[in-house]
């Protein structure tokens, strides 16, 4: 089995960097600037779609394609992971946390 490698050409590196920025920037903005997750999704989902099209058209690299899709959907995935965490906390604490006034 062949080990996946990092891209060595400028377009592949640019796609990877933009995909990573699409993952990191919404986290930083929601924590520091108070920007909502859905406002970040309005920006990152089209960027992820454009990166995915670039990957399919130009690079034909599965790794970059997965990175661009995850980068584009990062804010939505963050919300889903947060909801999963709340559900697990609710089950583990037998319904005592989060309290009904949470949110």
C-alpha atoms as a PDB file:
ATOM      1  CA  UNK A   1       0.000   0.000   0.000  1.00  0.00           C
ATOM      2  CA  UNK A   2       1.338   3.360  -1.026  1.00  0.00           C
ATOM      3  CA  UNK A   3       1.682   6.058   1.624  1.00  0.00           C
ATOM      4  CA  UNK A   4      -0.014   9.370   0.737  1.00  0.00           C
ATOM      5  CA  UNK A   5       2.409  12.231   0.343  1.00  0.00           C
ATOM      6  CA  UNK A   6       2.084  15.983   0.548  1.00  0.00           C
ATOM      7  CA  UNK A   7       1.704  17.842  -2.736  1.00  0.00           C
ATOM      8  CA  UNK A   8       4.891  19.277  -4.177  1.00  0.00           C
ATOM      9  CA  UNK A   9       3.525  21.621  -6.851  1.00  0.00           C
ATOM     10  CA  UNK A  10       2.287  25.175  -6.148  1.00  0.00           C
ATOM     11  CA  UNK A  11      -1.380  24.482  -6.969  1.00  0.00           C
ATOM     12  CA  UNK A  12      -1.539  21.472  -4.650  1.00  0.00           C
ATOM     13  CA  UNK A  13       0.122  23.393  -1.829  1.00  0.00           C
ATOM     14  CA  UNK A  14      -2.260  26.341  -2.355  1.00  0.00           C
ATOM     15  CA  UNK A  15      -5.309  24.030  -2.228  1.00  0.00           C
ATOM     16  CA  UNK A  16      -4.039  22.398   0.960  1.00  0.00           C
ATOM     17  CA  UNK A  17      -3.271  25.745   2.640  1.00  0.00           C
ATOM     18  CA  UNK A  18      -6.668  27.228   1.743  1.00  0.00           C
ATOM     19  CA  UNK A  19      -8.433  24.082   2.983  1.00  0.00           C
ATOM     20  CA  UNK A  20      -6.554  24.283   6.295  1.00  0.00           C
ATOM     21  CA  UNK A  21      -7.394  27.980   6.600  1.00  0.00           C
ATOM     22  CA  UNK A  22     -11.065  27.143   6.008  1.00  0.00           C
ATOM     23  CA  UNK A  23     -10.860  24.818   9.001  1.00  0.00           C
ATOM     24  CA  UNK A  24      -8.856  27.063  11.347  1.00  0.00           C
ATOM     25  CA  UNK A  25     -10.243  30.557  10.634  1.00  0.00           C
ATOM     26  CA  UNK A  26     -13.909  29.833  11.555  1.00  0.00           C
ATOM     27  CA  UNK A  27     -12.783  28.369  14.884  1.00  0.00           C
ATOM     28  CA  UNK A  28     -10.726  31.461  15.656  1.00  0.00           C
ATOM     29  CA  UNK A  29     -13.483  33.855  14.533  1.00  0.00           C
ATOM     30  CA  UNK A  30     -16.210  32.143  16.557  1.00  0.00           C
ATOM     31  CA  UNK A  31     -14.062  32.086  19.694  1.00  0.00           C
ATOM     32  CA  UNK A  32     -12.554  35.576  19.519  1.00  0.00           C
ATOM     33  CA  UNK A  33     -14.653  37.883  17.347  1.00  0.00           C
ATOM     34  CA  UNK A  34     -18.097  36.518  18.153  1.00  0.00           C
ATOM     35  CA  UNK A  35     -18.920  35.697  14.543  1.00  0.00           C
ATOM     36  CA  UNK A  36     -21.606  33.032  14.252  1.00  0.00           C
ATOM     37  CA  UNK A  37     -20.776  29.634  12.848  1.00  0.00           C
ATOM     38  CA  UNK A  38     -23.387  29.931  10.125  1.00  0.00           C
ATOM     39  CA  UNK A  39     -21.920  33.229   8.934  1.00  0.00           C
ATOM     40  CA  UNK A  40     -18.590  31.438   8.567  1.00  0.00           C
ATOM     41  CA  UNK A  41     -20.344  28.627   6.686  1.00  0.00           C
ATOM     42  CA  UNK A  42     -21.661  31.123   4.138  1.00  0.00           C
ATOM     43  CA  UNK A  43     -18.051  31.873   3.217  1.00  0.00           C
ATOM     44  CA  UNK A  44     -16.326  28.515   3.632  1.00  0.00           C
ATOM     45  CA  UNK A  45     -18.824  26.233   1.866  1.00  0.00           C
ATOM     46  CA  UNK A  46     -18.450  27.995  -1.533  1.00  0.00           C
ATOM     47  CA  UNK A  47     -14.675  28.026  -1.052  1.00  0.00           C
ATOM     48  CA  UNK A  48     -14.773  24.282  -0.374  1.00  0.00           C
ATOM     49  CA  UNK A  49     -16.868  23.713  -3.499  1.00  0.00           C
ATOM     50  CA  UNK A  50     -14.436  25.725  -5.636  1.00  0.00           C
ATOM     51  CA  UNK A  51     -11.458  23.859  -4.150  1.00  0.00           C
ATOM     52  CA  UNK A  52     -13.164  20.516  -4.779  1.00  0.00           C
ATOM     53  CA  UNK A  53     -13.778  21.414  -8.409  1.00  0.00           C
ATOM     54  CA  UNK A  54     -10.130  22.493  -8.745  1.00  0.00           C
ATOM     55  CA  UNK A  55      -8.996  19.200  -7.233  1.00  0.00           C
ATOM     56  CA  UNK A  56     -11.142  17.148  -9.577  1.00  0.00           C
ATOM     57  CA  UNK A  57     -10.333  19.175 -12.664  1.00  0.00           C
ATOM     58  CA  UNK A  58      -6.663  19.943 -12.221  1.00  0.00           C
ATOM     59  CA  UNK A  59      -5.070  17.634  -9.677  1.00  0.00           C
ATOM     60  CA  UNK A  60      -7.112  14.406  -9.529  1.00  0.00           C
ATOM     61  CA  UNK A  61      -5.836  13.865  -5.990  1.00  0.00           C
ATOM     62  CA  UNK A  62      -8.113  12.122  -3.512  1.00  0.00           C
ATOM     63  CA  UNK A  63      -6.279  13.488  -0.481  1.00  0.00           C
ATOM     64  CA  UNK A  64      -6.648  17.088  -1.609  1.00  0.00           C
ATOM     65  CA  UNK A  65     -10.261  16.432  -2.529  1.00  0.00           C
ATOM     66  CA  UNK A  66     -11.033  15.157   0.975  1.00  0.00           C
ATOM     67  CA  UNK A  67      -9.153  18.091   2.534  1.00  0.00           C
ATOM     68  CA  UNK A  68     -11.089  20.611   0.448  1.00  0.00           C
ATOM     69  CA  UNK A  69     -14.462  19.024   1.249  1.00  0.00           C
ATOM     70  CA  UNK A  70     -13.694  18.919   4.981  1.00  0.00           C
ATOM     71  CA  UNK A  71     -12.406  22.485   4.798  1.00  0.00           C
ATOM     72  CA  UNK A  72     -15.564  23.695   3.127  1.00  0.00           C
ATOM     73  CA  UNK A  73     -17.871  21.906   5.533  1.00  0.00           C
ATOM     74  CA  UNK A  74     -15.807  22.666   8.659  1.00  0.00           C
ATOM     75  CA  UNK A  75     -18.282  25.086  10.327  1.00  0.00           C
ATOM     76  CA  UNK A  76     -21.157  22.678   9.826  1.00  0.00           C
ATOM     77  CA  UNK A  77     -19.059  19.795  11.140  1.00  0.00           C
ATOM     78  CA  UNK A  78     -18.140  21.898  14.195  1.00  0.00           C
ATOM     79  CA  UNK A  79     -21.818  22.429  15.000  1.00  0.00           C
ATOM     80  CA  UNK A  80     -22.526  18.720  14.591  1.00  0.00           C
ATOM     81  CA  UNK A  81     -19.591  17.783  16.841  1.00  0.00           C
ATOM     82  CA  UNK A  82     -20.750  20.283  19.478  1.00  0.00           C
ATOM     83  CA  UNK A  83     -24.260  18.824  19.403  1.00  0.00           C
ATOM     84  CA  UNK A  84     -22.795  15.318  19.690  1.00  0.00           C
ATOM     85  CA  UNK A  85     -20.795  16.459  22.730  1.00  0.00           C
ATOM     86  CA  UNK A  86     -23.936  17.897  24.347  1.00  0.00           C
ATOM     87  CA  UNK A  87     -25.857  14.687  23.702  1.00  0.00           C
ATOM     88  CA  UNK A  88     -23.074  12.568  25.197  1.00  0.00           C
ATOM     89  CA  UNK A  89     -22.865  14.851  28.237  1.00  0.00           C
ATOM     90  CA  UNK A  90     -26.625  14.589  28.664  1.00  0.00           C
ATOM     91  CA  UNK A  91     -26.524  10.785  28.575  1.00  0.00           C
ATOM     92  CA  UNK A  92     -23.494  10.456  30.854  1.00  0.00           C
ATOM     93  CA  UNK A  93     -24.923  12.816  33.506  1.00  0.00           C
ATOM     94  CA  UNK A  94     -28.342  11.122  33.286  1.00  0.00           C
ATOM     95  CA  UNK A  95     -30.052  14.293  32.115  1.00  0.00           C
ATOM     96  CA  UNK A  96     -28.613  16.716  34.706  1.00  0.00           C
ATOM     97  CA  UNK A  97     -26.322  18.607  32.321  1.00  0.00           C
ATOM     98  CA  UNK A  98     -26.822  20.834  30.364  1.00  0.00           C
ATOM     99  CA  UNK A  99     -29.569  22.431  32.446  1.00  0.00           C
ATOM    100  CA  UNK A 100     -32.862  23.436  30.809  1.00  0.00           C
ATOM    101  CA  UNK A 101     -31.782  27.103  30.850  1.00  0.00           C
ATOM    102  CA  UNK A 102     -28.645  26.344  28.789  1.00  0.00           C
ATOM    103  CA  UNK A 103     -28.328  28.278  25.556  1.00  0.00           C
END
